Amino acid sequence: MPDTPDLIQALLDAVAAADDARAERAAQAFATQPGVLPALRPLLGDPSADRRWWAVRSLALIGGAEAERLLIERLIDADEPTRCAAALALGQLKSEAAIPHLVAALRDASGWMRDSAADALSMIGDPALPALVEAMADGRDPIRVRATRATCRIVGPALKGKTLNEYDKRYYPALTALYTALNDPNRLVRTNAFDTLNGLGLFDEVHIAP
């Protein structure tokens, strides 16, 4: 196995050549070399957005608490693709520590980033539900739309095929929020909520208590 300087140089050479396939192979090599993380850290502040993006990709493959912390810092990177990559990496790592930061990213000026943050929260799953339910009550449409969509992506698969009395009570606040969302002024919010509740067969069920 090459040592750390060689691994980093292989990544830098691939990025300089704009060879994504070679850069991905270099990043994949880091997955079995957690000790390379300190050498990656300077790349996160590199002026080159491409280098920062690939550093984020590498951290996603390494994982662990320190990688998560560094990825959270990249959620406010100046480069939009790097922010999005960091968000999705945190989702793939199911980083509970990232939940409040990803919810904050739902306010990002970039629609792509807002979508990425919502996707990441849905990948984290159940631990993100309380924060998502709160975001569903936000006064801003872009936040409510994405928070509702992420909530639906968690609740729908979790409860599919179950009867009401089989539901775990931890889902009740989310279900109540989805019922409330049926009267939301935003059509996308209403549609997401309706489709999920209808898919679960809940329109013929009794009221879900908070």
N, C-alpha and C. Protein backbone atom coordinates (compact mmCIF):
# COMPACT_ATOMS: atom_id res chain seq x y z
N MET A 1 0.85 -1.20 0.00
CA MET A 1 0.00 0.00 0.00
C MET A 1 0.88 1.25 0.00
N PRO A 2 0.67 2.19 -0.88
CA PRO A 2 1.47 3.43 -0.89
C PRO A 2 1.34 4.17 0.42
N ASP A 3 2.38 4.95 0.77
CA ASP A 3 2.28 5.72 2.00
C ASP A 3 1.43 6.97 1.75
N THR A 4 1.18 7.71 2.84
CA THR A 4 0.25 8.84 2.77
C THR A 4 0.65 9.89 1.74
N PRO A 5 1.91 10.36 1.71
CA PRO A 5 2.25 11.37 0.69
C PRO A 5 1.96 10.89 -0.73
N ASP A 6 2.24 9.61 -1.00
CA ASP A 6 2.00 9.08 -2.33
C ASP A 6 0.51 9.05 -2.65
N LEU A 7 -0.32 8.70 -1.67
CA LEU A 7 -1.76 8.66 -1.87
C LEU A 7 -2.30 10.06 -2.17
N ILE A 8 -1.84 11.03 -1.39
CA ILE A 8 -2.29 12.41 -1.60
C ILE A 8 -1.84 12.91 -2.96
N GLN A 9 -0.59 12.61 -3.33
CA GLN A 9 -0.08 13.07 -4.62
C GLN A 9 -0.85 12.42 -5.77
N ALA A 10 -1.22 11.16 -5.61
CA ALA A 10 -2.00 10.48 -6.65
C ALA A 10 -3.33 11.18 -6.86
N LEU A 11 -3.95 11.61 -5.76
CA LEU A 11 -5.21 12.33 -5.86
C LEU A 11 -5.00 13.69 -6.54
N LEU A 12 -3.98 14.41 -6.11
CA LEU A 12 -3.72 15.74 -6.67
C LEU A 12 -3.41 15.66 -8.18
N ASP A 13 -2.67 14.64 -8.55
CA ASP A 13 -2.32 14.48 -9.97
C ASP A 13 -3.58 14.20 -10.79
N ALA A 14 -4.45 13.37 -10.26
CA ALA A 14 -5.68 13.04 -10.97
C ALA A 14 -6.59 14.25 -11.10
N VAL A 15 -6.67 15.04 -10.02
CA VAL A 15 -7.51 16.25 -10.06
C VAL A 15 -6.94 17.24 -11.06
N ALA A 16 -5.62 17.41 -11.07
CA ALA A 16 -4.98 18.34 -12.01
C ALA A 16 -5.23 17.92 -13.46
N ALA A 17 -5.30 16.61 -13.68
CA ALA A 17 -5.53 16.09 -15.03
C ALA A 17 -7.01 16.04 -15.38
N ALA A 18 -7.87 16.44 -14.43
CA ALA A 18 -9.32 16.36 -14.63
C ALA A 18 -9.76 14.95 -14.98
N ASP A 19 -9.08 13.98 -14.38
CA ASP A 19 -9.38 12.56 -14.61
C ASP A 19 -10.20 12.04 -13.43
N ASP A 20 -11.51 12.12 -13.55
CA ASP A 20 -12.38 11.76 -12.44
C ASP A 20 -12.27 10.28 -12.07
N ALA A 21 -12.10 9.42 -13.05
CA ALA A 21 -12.00 7.99 -12.76
C ALA A 21 -10.75 7.71 -11.92
N ARG A 22 -9.66 8.34 -12.29
CA ARG A 22 -8.41 8.13 -11.53
C ARG A 22 -8.52 8.77 -10.15
N ALA A 23 -9.17 9.94 -10.07
CA ALA A 23 -9.35 10.59 -8.77
C ALA A 23 -10.22 9.72 -7.86
N GLU A 24 -11.23 9.10 -8.43
CA GLU A 24 -12.09 8.22 -7.61
C GLU A 24 -11.31 7.02 -7.10
N ARG A 25 -10.45 6.46 -7.92
CA ARG A 25 -9.62 5.35 -7.45
C ARG A 25 -8.71 5.79 -6.31
N ALA A 26 -8.15 7.00 -6.44
CA ALA A 26 -7.29 7.51 -5.37
C ALA A 26 -8.09 7.73 -4.10
N ALA A 27 -9.29 8.29 -4.22
CA ALA A 27 -10.13 8.51 -3.05
C ALA A 27 -10.53 7.19 -2.40
N GLN A 28 -10.83 6.20 -3.23
CA GLN A 28 -11.21 4.89 -2.69
C GLN A 28 -10.07 4.28 -1.88
N ALA A 29 -8.85 4.56 -2.28
CA ALA A 29 -7.70 4.02 -1.54
C ALA A 29 -7.65 4.55 -0.12
N PHE A 30 -8.20 5.76 0.10
CA PHE A 30 -8.19 6.35 1.44
C PHE A 30 -9.12 5.60 2.40
N ALA A 31 -10.10 4.89 1.86
CA ALA A 31 -11.11 4.23 2.70
C ALA A 31 -10.48 3.25 3.68
N THR A 32 -9.38 2.64 3.30
CA THR A 32 -8.70 1.68 4.17
C THR A 32 -7.50 2.31 4.87
N GLN A 33 -7.37 3.63 4.75
CA GLN A 33 -6.23 4.33 5.34
C GLN A 33 -6.70 5.52 6.16
N PRO A 34 -7.39 5.29 7.29
CA PRO A 34 -7.89 6.43 8.08
C PRO A 34 -6.79 7.37 8.56
N GLY A 35 -5.57 6.89 8.62
CA GLY A 35 -4.47 7.73 9.04
C GLY A 35 -4.13 8.83 8.05
N VAL A 36 -4.75 8.76 6.86
CA VAL A 36 -4.48 9.78 5.85
C VAL A 36 -5.27 11.06 6.11
N LEU A 37 -6.23 11.00 7.02
CA LEU A 37 -7.12 12.14 7.24
C LEU A 37 -6.38 13.45 7.55
N PRO A 38 -5.39 13.47 8.42
CA PRO A 38 -4.69 14.74 8.68
C PRO A 38 -4.07 15.35 7.42
N ALA A 39 -3.63 14.49 6.50
CA ALA A 39 -3.02 15.00 5.28
C ALA A 39 -4.07 15.56 4.33
N LEU A 40 -5.32 15.12 4.47
CA LEU A 40 -6.40 15.64 3.64
C LEU A 40 -6.89 17.00 4.13
N ARG A 41 -6.73 17.25 5.42
CA ARG A 41 -7.32 18.44 6.03
C ARG A 41 -6.91 19.74 5.30
N PRO A 42 -5.62 19.92 4.93
CA PRO A 42 -5.27 21.17 4.24
C PRO A 42 -5.98 21.35 2.91
N LEU A 43 -6.36 20.26 2.25
CA LEU A 43 -7.04 20.38 0.96
C LEU A 43 -8.43 21.00 1.10
N LEU A 44 -9.01 20.90 2.29
CA LEU A 44 -10.34 21.46 2.50
C LEU A 44 -10.34 22.99 2.45
N GLY A 45 -9.18 23.57 2.66
CA GLY A 45 -9.06 25.03 2.57
C GLY A 45 -8.31 25.47 1.33
N ASP A 46 -8.11 24.56 0.40
CA ASP A 46 -7.35 24.88 -0.81
C ASP A 46 -8.14 25.87 -1.69
N PRO A 47 -7.46 26.80 -2.35
CA PRO A 47 -8.18 27.72 -3.24
C PRO A 47 -8.90 27.01 -4.38
N SER A 48 -8.44 25.83 -4.75
CA SER A 48 -9.06 25.09 -5.85
C SER A 48 -10.33 24.39 -5.38
N ALA A 49 -11.46 24.76 -5.97
CA ALA A 49 -12.72 24.10 -5.63
C ALA A 49 -12.68 22.62 -5.97
N ASP A 50 -11.99 22.26 -7.05
CA ASP A 50 -11.90 20.84 -7.41
C ASP A 50 -11.17 20.05 -6.34
N ARG A 51 -10.11 20.59 -5.81
CA ARG A 51 -9.38 19.90 -4.74
C ARG A 51 -10.25 19.76 -3.49
N ARG A 52 -10.98 20.81 -3.17
CA ARG A 52 -11.85 20.74 -2.00
C ARG A 52 -12.94 19.68 -2.19
N TRP A 53 -13.50 19.64 -3.41
CA TRP A 53 -14.56 18.65 -3.69
C TRP A 53 -14.03 17.24 -3.49
N TRP A 54 -12.85 16.97 -4.01
CA TRP A 54 -12.31 15.62 -3.89
C TRP A 54 -11.85 15.31 -2.46
N ALA A 55 -11.47 16.32 -1.72
CA ALA A 55 -11.18 16.09 -0.30
C ALA A 55 -12.46 15.68 0.43
N VAL A 56 -13.56 16.35 0.09
CA VAL A 56 -14.86 15.98 0.68
C VAL A 56 -15.23 14.56 0.29
N ARG A 57 -15.07 14.22 -0.98
CA ARG A 57 -15.37 12.86 -1.43
C ARG A 57 -14.54 11.84 -0.65
N SER A 58 -13.29 12.15 -0.42
CA SER A 58 -12.41 11.24 0.31
C SER A 58 -12.85 11.07 1.76
N LEU A 59 -13.25 12.16 2.39
CA LEU A 59 -13.73 12.08 3.77
C LEU A 59 -14.98 11.22 3.87
N ALA A 60 -15.82 11.28 2.86
CA ALA A 60 -17.03 10.45 2.86
C ALA A 60 -16.67 8.98 2.87
N LEU A 61 -15.57 8.63 2.23
CA LEU A 61 -15.16 7.23 2.18
C LEU A 61 -14.44 6.80 3.45
N ILE A 62 -13.80 7.73 4.11
CA ILE A 62 -13.08 7.41 5.36
C ILE A 62 -14.06 7.26 6.52
N GLY A 63 -14.97 8.23 6.65
CA GLY A 63 -15.97 8.20 7.72
C GLY A 63 -15.35 8.44 9.10
N GLY A 64 -16.19 8.32 10.12
CA GLY A 64 -15.74 8.57 11.49
C GLY A 64 -16.08 9.97 11.96
N ALA A 65 -15.98 10.18 13.27
CA ALA A 65 -16.40 11.43 13.88
C ALA A 65 -15.62 12.64 13.36
N GLU A 66 -14.31 12.49 13.17
CA GLU A 66 -13.51 13.61 12.71
C GLU A 66 -13.85 13.96 11.26
N ALA A 67 -14.06 12.95 10.44
CA ALA A 67 -14.46 13.21 9.05
C ALA A 67 -15.81 13.92 9.02
N GLU A 68 -16.72 13.50 9.87
CA GLU A 68 -18.03 14.15 9.93
C GLU A 68 -17.88 15.62 10.33
N ARG A 69 -17.05 15.89 11.31
CA ARG A 69 -16.85 17.28 11.75
C ARG A 69 -16.33 18.14 10.61
N LEU A 70 -15.37 17.62 9.87
CA LEU A 70 -14.80 18.37 8.76
C LEU A 70 -15.82 18.56 7.63
N LEU A 71 -16.65 17.55 7.41
CA LEU A 71 -17.68 17.66 6.38
C LEU A 71 -18.73 18.71 6.77
N ILE A 72 -19.07 18.76 8.04
CA ILE A 72 -20.03 19.77 8.51
C ILE A 72 -19.50 21.17 8.20
N GLU A 73 -18.21 21.37 8.39
CA GLU A 73 -17.62 22.68 8.09
C GLU A 73 -17.75 23.04 6.60
N ARG A 74 -17.78 22.04 5.74
CA ARG A 74 -17.87 22.28 4.29
C ARG A 74 -19.29 22.58 3.83
N LEU A 75 -20.25 22.49 4.72
CA LEU A 75 -21.63 22.82 4.34
C LEU A 75 -21.79 24.30 4.00
N ILE A 76 -20.81 25.09 4.37
CA ILE A 76 -20.86 26.52 4.02
C ILE A 76 -19.70 26.89 3.09
N ASP A 77 -19.18 25.90 2.38
CA ASP A 77 -18.12 26.16 1.40
C ASP A 77 -18.63 27.14 0.34
N ALA A 78 -17.74 27.96 -0.18
CA ALA A 78 -18.13 28.93 -1.20
C ALA A 78 -18.55 28.26 -2.51
N ASP A 79 -18.10 27.03 -2.72
CA ASP A 79 -18.39 26.32 -3.96
C ASP A 79 -19.63 25.45 -3.80
N GLU A 80 -20.61 25.68 -4.66
CA GLU A 80 -21.89 24.97 -4.55
C GLU A 80 -21.74 23.45 -4.66
N PRO A 81 -21.04 22.90 -5.65
CA PRO A 81 -20.90 21.44 -5.71
C PRO A 81 -20.22 20.85 -4.47
N THR A 82 -19.28 21.58 -3.89
CA THR A 82 -18.60 21.09 -2.70
C THR A 82 -19.56 21.05 -1.51
N ARG A 83 -20.39 22.08 -1.38
CA ARG A 83 -21.40 22.07 -0.31
C ARG A 83 -22.35 20.88 -0.47
N CYS A 84 -22.79 20.68 -1.70
CA CYS A 84 -23.73 19.58 -1.95
C CYS A 84 -23.08 18.23 -1.68
N ALA A 85 -21.83 18.08 -2.09
CA ALA A 85 -21.13 16.82 -1.85
C ALA A 85 -20.97 16.57 -0.35
N ALA A 86 -20.69 17.62 0.41
CA ALA A 86 -20.55 17.47 1.86
C ALA A 86 -21.88 17.05 2.49
N ALA A 87 -22.97 17.66 2.05
CA ALA A 87 -24.28 17.32 2.58
C ALA A 87 -24.61 15.86 2.32
N LEU A 88 -24.43 15.41 1.08
CA LEU A 88 -24.76 14.03 0.74
C LEU A 88 -23.83 13.05 1.44
N ALA A 89 -22.58 13.44 1.62
CA ALA A 89 -21.65 12.57 2.36
C ALA A 89 -22.13 12.37 3.80
N LEU A 90 -22.59 13.45 4.42
CA LEU A 90 -23.09 13.34 5.79
C LEU A 90 -24.34 12.48 5.85
N GLY A 91 -25.16 12.55 4.82
CA GLY A 91 -26.32 11.68 4.76
C GLY A 91 -25.92 10.22 4.64
N GLN A 92 -24.97 9.94 3.76
CA GLN A 92 -24.50 8.57 3.57
C GLN A 92 -23.88 8.02 4.85
N LEU A 93 -23.22 8.88 5.61
CA LEU A 93 -22.60 8.48 6.88
C LEU A 93 -23.61 8.44 8.02
N LYS A 94 -24.85 8.86 7.74
CA LYS A 94 -25.92 8.91 8.74
C LYS A 94 -25.47 9.67 9.99
N SER A 95 -24.92 10.84 9.74
CA SER A 95 -24.34 11.66 10.80
C SER A 95 -25.42 12.40 11.59
N GLU A 96 -25.72 11.93 12.78
CA GLU A 96 -26.70 12.61 13.62
C GLU A 96 -26.18 13.98 14.06
N ALA A 97 -24.88 14.10 14.20
CA ALA A 97 -24.30 15.38 14.60
C ALA A 97 -24.55 16.45 13.55
N ALA A 98 -24.77 16.03 12.31
CA ALA A 98 -24.95 16.99 11.22
C ALA A 98 -26.38 17.49 11.10
N ILE A 99 -27.33 16.87 11.80
CA ILE A 99 -28.74 17.19 11.59
C ILE A 99 -29.05 18.68 11.70
N PRO A 100 -28.68 19.37 12.78
CA PRO A 100 -29.02 20.80 12.85
C PRO A 100 -28.35 21.62 11.76
N HIS A 101 -27.18 21.21 11.33
CA HIS A 101 -26.46 21.94 10.28
C HIS A 101 -27.13 21.71 8.92
N LEU A 102 -27.62 20.51 8.70
CA LEU A 102 -28.32 20.22 7.45
C LEU A 102 -29.67 20.93 7.41
N VAL A 103 -30.33 21.02 8.54
CA VAL A 103 -31.58 21.77 8.60
C VAL A 103 -31.31 23.24 8.29
N ALA A 104 -30.22 23.78 8.84
CA ALA A 104 -29.85 25.16 8.53
C ALA A 104 -29.57 25.32 7.04
N ALA A 105 -29.02 24.27 6.42
CA ALA A 105 -28.70 24.33 4.99
C ALA A 105 -29.95 24.35 4.11
N LEU A 106 -31.10 24.03 4.68
CA LEU A 106 -32.35 24.16 3.93
C LEU A 106 -32.64 25.62 3.59
N ARG A 107 -31.93 26.55 4.23
CA ARG A 107 -32.08 27.97 3.93
C ARG A 107 -31.04 28.47 2.93
N ASP A 108 -30.20 27.57 2.41
CA ASP A 108 -29.14 27.96 1.49
C ASP A 108 -29.74 28.67 0.26
N ALA A 109 -28.98 29.62 -0.29
CA ALA A 109 -29.46 30.35 -1.47
C ALA A 109 -29.58 29.45 -2.69
N SER A 110 -28.86 28.35 -2.70
CA SER A 110 -28.88 27.43 -3.83
C SER A 110 -29.98 26.37 -3.68
N GLY A 111 -30.83 26.27 -4.67
CA GLY A 111 -31.84 25.22 -4.65
C GLY A 111 -31.22 23.83 -4.67
N TRP A 112 -30.11 23.68 -5.39
CA TRP A 112 -29.40 22.40 -5.44
C TRP A 112 -28.94 22.01 -4.03
N MET A 113 -28.41 22.97 -3.29
CA MET A 113 -27.95 22.69 -1.94
C MET A 113 -29.13 22.38 -1.03
N ARG A 114 -30.22 23.10 -1.18
CA ARG A 114 -31.40 22.80 -0.35
C ARG A 114 -31.88 21.38 -0.61
N ASP A 115 -31.88 20.98 -1.88
CA ASP A 115 -32.28 19.61 -2.21
C ASP A 115 -31.31 18.60 -1.62
N SER A 116 -30.02 18.89 -1.70
CA SER A 116 -29.01 17.98 -1.17
C SER A 116 -29.14 17.82 0.34
N ALA A 117 -29.40 18.93 1.03
CA ALA A 117 -29.57 18.87 2.48
C ALA A 117 -30.80 18.04 2.84
N ALA A 118 -31.89 18.23 2.10
CA ALA A 118 -33.10 17.44 2.36
C ALA A 118 -32.85 15.97 2.09
N ASP A 119 -32.15 15.66 1.00
CA ASP A 119 -31.83 14.28 0.69
C ASP A 119 -30.97 13.66 1.79
N ALA A 120 -30.02 14.43 2.29
CA ALA A 120 -29.15 13.93 3.36
C ALA A 120 -29.95 13.64 4.63
N LEU A 121 -30.88 14.52 4.97
CA LEU A 121 -31.70 14.30 6.17
C LEU A 121 -32.56 13.05 6.00
N SER A 122 -33.07 12.83 4.81
CA SER A 122 -33.87 11.63 4.60
C SER A 122 -33.01 10.37 4.70
N MET A 123 -31.75 10.46 4.30
CA MET A 123 -30.85 9.31 4.43
C MET A 123 -30.52 9.02 5.89
N ILE A 124 -30.41 10.07 6.69
CA ILE A 124 -30.14 9.87 8.12
C ILE A 124 -31.31 9.16 8.79
N GLY A 125 -32.52 9.48 8.34
CA GLY A 125 -33.68 8.72 8.79
C GLY A 125 -34.30 9.20 10.09
N ASP A 126 -34.77 8.25 10.88
CA ASP A 126 -35.56 8.55 12.08
C ASP A 126 -34.97 9.63 12.98
N PRO A 127 -33.65 9.63 13.24
CA PRO A 127 -33.12 10.66 14.14
C PRO A 127 -33.36 12.09 13.63
N ALA A 128 -33.58 12.25 12.34
CA ALA A 128 -33.79 13.59 11.77
C ALA A 128 -35.24 14.05 11.87
N LEU A 129 -36.16 13.15 12.22
CA LEU A 129 -37.58 13.50 12.18
C LEU A 129 -37.97 14.68 13.08
N PRO A 130 -37.53 14.74 14.32
CA PRO A 130 -37.94 15.90 15.14
C PRO A 130 -37.55 17.23 14.53
N ALA A 131 -36.35 17.32 13.99
CA ALA A 131 -35.91 18.57 13.37
C ALA A 131 -36.69 18.85 12.09
N LEU A 132 -37.01 17.81 11.35
CA LEU A 132 -37.78 17.99 10.12
C LEU A 132 -39.21 18.44 10.41
N VAL A 133 -39.81 17.87 11.45
CA VAL A 133 -41.17 18.28 11.82
C VAL A 133 -41.18 19.75 12.19
N GLU A 134 -40.17 20.20 12.89
CA GLU A 134 -40.08 21.62 13.24
C GLU A 134 -39.93 22.47 11.98
N ALA A 135 -39.11 21.99 11.05
CA ALA A 135 -38.89 22.74 9.80
C ALA A 135 -40.15 22.79 8.94
N MET A 136 -41.01 21.80 9.08
CA MET A 136 -42.25 21.79 8.31
C MET A 136 -43.19 22.94 8.71
N ALA A 137 -42.95 23.53 9.87
CA ALA A 137 -43.76 24.66 10.33
C ALA A 137 -43.12 25.99 9.99
N ASP A 138 -42.01 25.98 9.27
CA ASP A 138 -41.32 27.22 8.92
C ASP A 138 -42.18 28.05 7.97
N GLY A 139 -42.05 29.35 8.06
CA GLY A 139 -42.85 30.23 7.22
C GLY A 139 -42.36 30.35 5.79
N ARG A 140 -41.20 29.79 5.48
CA ARG A 140 -40.64 29.92 4.13
C ARG A 140 -40.92 28.66 3.30
N ASP A 141 -41.50 28.88 2.14
CA ASP A 141 -41.89 27.77 1.28
C ASP A 141 -40.74 26.81 0.94
N PRO A 142 -39.56 27.31 0.53
CA PRO A 142 -38.50 26.37 0.15
C PRO A 142 -38.11 25.42 1.27
N ILE A 143 -38.19 25.88 2.51
CA ILE A 143 -37.84 25.03 3.65
C ILE A 143 -38.95 24.00 3.88
N ARG A 144 -40.20 24.46 3.90
CA ARG A 144 -41.30 23.53 4.15
C ARG A 144 -41.39 22.45 3.07
N VAL A 145 -41.21 22.85 1.82
CA VAL A 145 -41.29 21.88 0.73
C VAL A 145 -40.27 20.76 0.93
N ARG A 146 -39.05 21.13 1.22
CA ARG A 146 -38.00 20.12 1.33
C ARG A 146 -38.08 19.35 2.64
N ALA A 147 -38.48 20.01 3.71
CA ALA A 147 -38.65 19.30 4.98
C ALA A 147 -39.77 18.27 4.87
N THR A 148 -40.85 18.64 4.19
CA THR A 148 -41.96 17.71 4.01
C THR A 148 -41.53 16.53 3.16
N ARG A 149 -40.83 16.81 2.08
CA ARG A 149 -40.38 15.73 1.21
C ARG A 149 -39.47 14.76 1.96
N ALA A 150 -38.53 15.29 2.74
CA ALA A 150 -37.63 14.42 3.50
C ALA A 150 -38.40 13.61 4.54
N THR A 151 -39.36 14.24 5.20
CA THR A 151 -40.18 13.52 6.18
C THR A 151 -40.94 12.38 5.52
N CYS A 152 -41.50 12.65 4.35
CA CYS A 152 -42.23 11.61 3.62
C CYS A 152 -41.32 10.45 3.24
N ARG A 153 -40.10 10.76 2.86
CA ARG A 153 -39.17 9.70 2.45
C ARG A 153 -38.74 8.83 3.62
N ILE A 154 -38.85 9.35 4.83
CA ILE A 154 -38.53 8.55 6.02
C ILE A 154 -39.75 7.76 6.48
N VAL A 155 -40.87 8.47 6.62
CA VAL A 155 -42.07 7.87 7.21
C VAL A 155 -42.70 6.84 6.28
N GLY A 156 -42.79 7.17 4.98
CA GLY A 156 -43.45 6.27 4.06
C GLY A 156 -42.89 4.87 4.07
N PRO A 157 -41.60 4.69 3.80
CA PRO A 157 -41.03 3.34 3.81
C PRO A 157 -41.06 2.68 5.20
N ALA A 158 -40.92 3.47 6.26
CA ALA A 158 -40.89 2.90 7.61
C ALA A 158 -42.23 2.28 8.00
N LEU A 159 -43.33 2.88 7.52
CA LEU A 159 -44.66 2.43 7.94
C LEU A 159 -45.41 1.66 6.87
N LYS A 160 -44.85 1.55 5.70
CA LYS A 160 -45.52 0.87 4.59
C LYS A 160 -45.87 -0.57 4.97
N GLY A 161 -47.11 -0.95 4.73
CA GLY A 161 -47.54 -2.32 4.99
C GLY A 161 -47.94 -2.60 6.42
N LYS A 162 -47.88 -1.58 7.28
CA LYS A 162 -48.26 -1.76 8.68
C LYS A 162 -49.63 -1.17 8.93
N THR A 163 -50.33 -1.71 9.92
CA THR A 163 -51.60 -1.11 10.32
C THR A 163 -51.33 -0.06 11.37
N LEU A 164 -52.33 0.78 11.61
CA LEU A 164 -52.17 1.91 12.53
C LEU A 164 -51.71 1.46 13.91
N ASN A 165 -52.27 0.38 14.41
CA ASN A 165 -51.89 -0.05 15.76
C ASN A 165 -50.51 -0.70 15.81
N GLU A 166 -49.89 -0.85 14.66
CA GLU A 166 -48.52 -1.37 14.63
C GLU A 166 -47.48 -0.26 14.55
N TYR A 167 -47.95 0.99 14.41
CA TYR A 167 -47.01 2.10 14.28
C TYR A 167 -46.29 2.36 15.59
N ASP A 168 -45.00 2.58 15.49
CA ASP A 168 -44.24 3.04 16.65
C ASP A 168 -44.64 4.49 16.92
N LYS A 169 -44.83 4.83 18.18
CA LYS A 169 -45.32 6.17 18.53
C LYS A 169 -44.33 7.28 18.17
N ARG A 170 -43.09 6.92 17.93
CA ARG A 170 -42.14 7.98 17.56
C ARG A 170 -42.49 8.61 16.23
N TYR A 171 -43.33 7.94 15.43
CA TYR A 171 -43.73 8.50 14.15
C TYR A 171 -44.97 9.40 14.25
N TYR A 172 -45.63 9.40 15.39
CA TYR A 172 -46.87 10.18 15.51
C TYR A 172 -46.69 11.67 15.24
N PRO A 173 -45.65 12.32 15.80
CA PRO A 173 -45.50 13.76 15.50
C PRO A 173 -45.34 14.03 14.01
N ALA A 174 -44.60 13.16 13.31
CA ALA A 174 -44.42 13.36 11.87
C ALA A 174 -45.73 13.16 11.13
N LEU A 175 -46.50 12.17 11.53
CA LEU A 175 -47.78 11.93 10.89
C LEU A 175 -48.74 13.09 11.13
N THR A 176 -48.75 13.59 12.35
CA THR A 176 -49.59 14.75 12.65
C THR A 176 -49.18 15.95 11.81
N ALA A 177 -47.87 16.15 11.65
CA ALA A 177 -47.38 17.26 10.82
C ALA A 177 -47.80 17.07 9.37
N LEU A 178 -47.82 15.83 8.89
CA LEU A 178 -48.24 15.58 7.52
C LEU A 178 -49.73 15.84 7.33
N TYR A 179 -50.53 15.49 8.33
CA TYR A 179 -51.96 15.82 8.25
C TYR A 179 -52.15 17.34 8.22
N THR A 180 -51.40 18.04 9.05
CA THR A 180 -51.48 19.50 9.05
C THR A 180 -51.07 20.07 7.70
N ALA A 181 -50.08 19.43 7.08
CA ALA A 181 -49.56 19.91 5.80
C ALA A 181 -50.58 19.79 4.67
N LEU A 182 -51.63 19.01 4.87
CA LEU A 182 -52.67 18.90 3.84
C LEU A 182 -53.36 20.24 3.58
N ASN A 183 -53.26 21.14 4.55
CA ASN A 183 -53.86 22.48 4.41
C ASN A 183 -52.82 23.55 4.15
N ASP A 184 -51.60 23.14 3.83
CA ASP A 184 -50.53 24.11 3.59
C ASP A 184 -50.85 24.93 2.33
N PRO A 185 -50.49 26.21 2.31
CA PRO A 185 -50.75 27.03 1.11
C PRO A 185 -49.92 26.61 -0.09
N ASN A 186 -48.83 25.86 0.14
CA ASN A 186 -47.96 25.47 -0.97
C ASN A 186 -48.42 24.12 -1.54
N ARG A 187 -48.62 24.09 -2.85
CA ARG A 187 -49.13 22.88 -3.50
C ARG A 187 -48.17 21.70 -3.35
N LEU A 188 -46.87 21.94 -3.45
CA LEU A 188 -45.92 20.84 -3.34
C LEU A 188 -45.94 20.21 -1.95
N VAL A 189 -46.08 21.05 -0.93
CA VAL A 189 -46.19 20.53 0.43
C VAL A 189 -47.44 19.65 0.55
N ARG A 190 -48.56 20.18 0.07
CA ARG A 190 -49.81 19.42 0.14
C ARG A 190 -49.71 18.10 -0.61
N THR A 191 -49.12 18.14 -1.79
CA THR A 191 -49.03 16.94 -2.62
C THR A 191 -48.17 15.86 -1.98
N ASN A 192 -47.02 16.27 -1.46
CA ASN A 192 -46.14 15.29 -0.80
C ASN A 192 -46.83 14.65 0.39
N ALA A 193 -47.48 15.47 1.20
CA ALA A 193 -48.18 14.95 2.38
C ALA A 193 -49.31 14.02 1.97
N PHE A 194 -50.10 14.44 0.99
CA PHE A 194 -51.23 13.62 0.55
C PHE A 194 -50.75 12.27 0.01
N ASP A 195 -49.75 12.30 -0.86
CA ASP A 195 -49.28 11.06 -1.47
C ASP A 195 -48.78 10.07 -0.43
N THR A 196 -48.08 10.57 0.58
CA THR A 196 -47.55 9.68 1.61
C THR A 196 -48.67 9.11 2.48
N LEU A 197 -49.55 9.97 2.95
CA LEU A 197 -50.65 9.50 3.81
C LEU A 197 -51.58 8.56 3.05
N ASN A 198 -51.84 8.90 1.80
CA ASN A 198 -52.69 8.04 0.98
C ASN A 198 -52.01 6.70 0.73
N GLY A 199 -50.71 6.73 0.46
CA GLY A 199 -49.97 5.49 0.24
C GLY A 199 -49.96 4.58 1.44
N LEU A 200 -50.09 5.17 2.63
CA LEU A 200 -50.14 4.38 3.86
C LEU A 200 -51.57 3.96 4.20
N GLY A 201 -52.54 4.42 3.41
CA GLY A 201 -53.93 4.06 3.66
C GLY A 201 -54.50 4.72 4.88
N LEU A 202 -54.02 5.92 5.21
CA LEU A 202 -54.43 6.55 6.47
C LEU A 202 -55.67 7.43 6.37
N PHE A 203 -56.17 7.65 5.17
CA PHE A 203 -57.35 8.51 5.10
C PHE A 203 -58.60 7.83 5.63
N ASP A 204 -58.54 6.52 5.77
CA ASP A 204 -59.68 5.80 6.35
C ASP A 204 -59.44 5.44 7.81
N GLU A 205 -58.28 5.89 8.34
CA GLU A 205 -57.96 5.56 9.73
C GLU A 205 -58.42 6.66 10.65
N VAL A 206 -58.32 6.39 11.95
CA VAL A 206 -58.72 7.38 12.96
C VAL A 206 -57.63 8.43 13.06
N HIS A 207 -57.97 9.55 13.72
CA HIS A 207 -57.04 10.66 13.90
C HIS A 207 -55.81 10.21 14.66
N ILE A 208 -54.65 10.69 14.22
CA ILE A 208 -53.38 10.40 14.89
C ILE A 208 -53.18 11.42 16.01
N ALA A 209 -53.13 10.96 17.24
CA ALA A 209 -52.94 11.88 18.36
C ALA A 209 -51.50 12.35 18.39
N PRO A 210 -51.27 13.61 18.78
CA PRO A 210 -49.89 14.10 18.87
C PRO A 210 -49.14 13.41 20.00
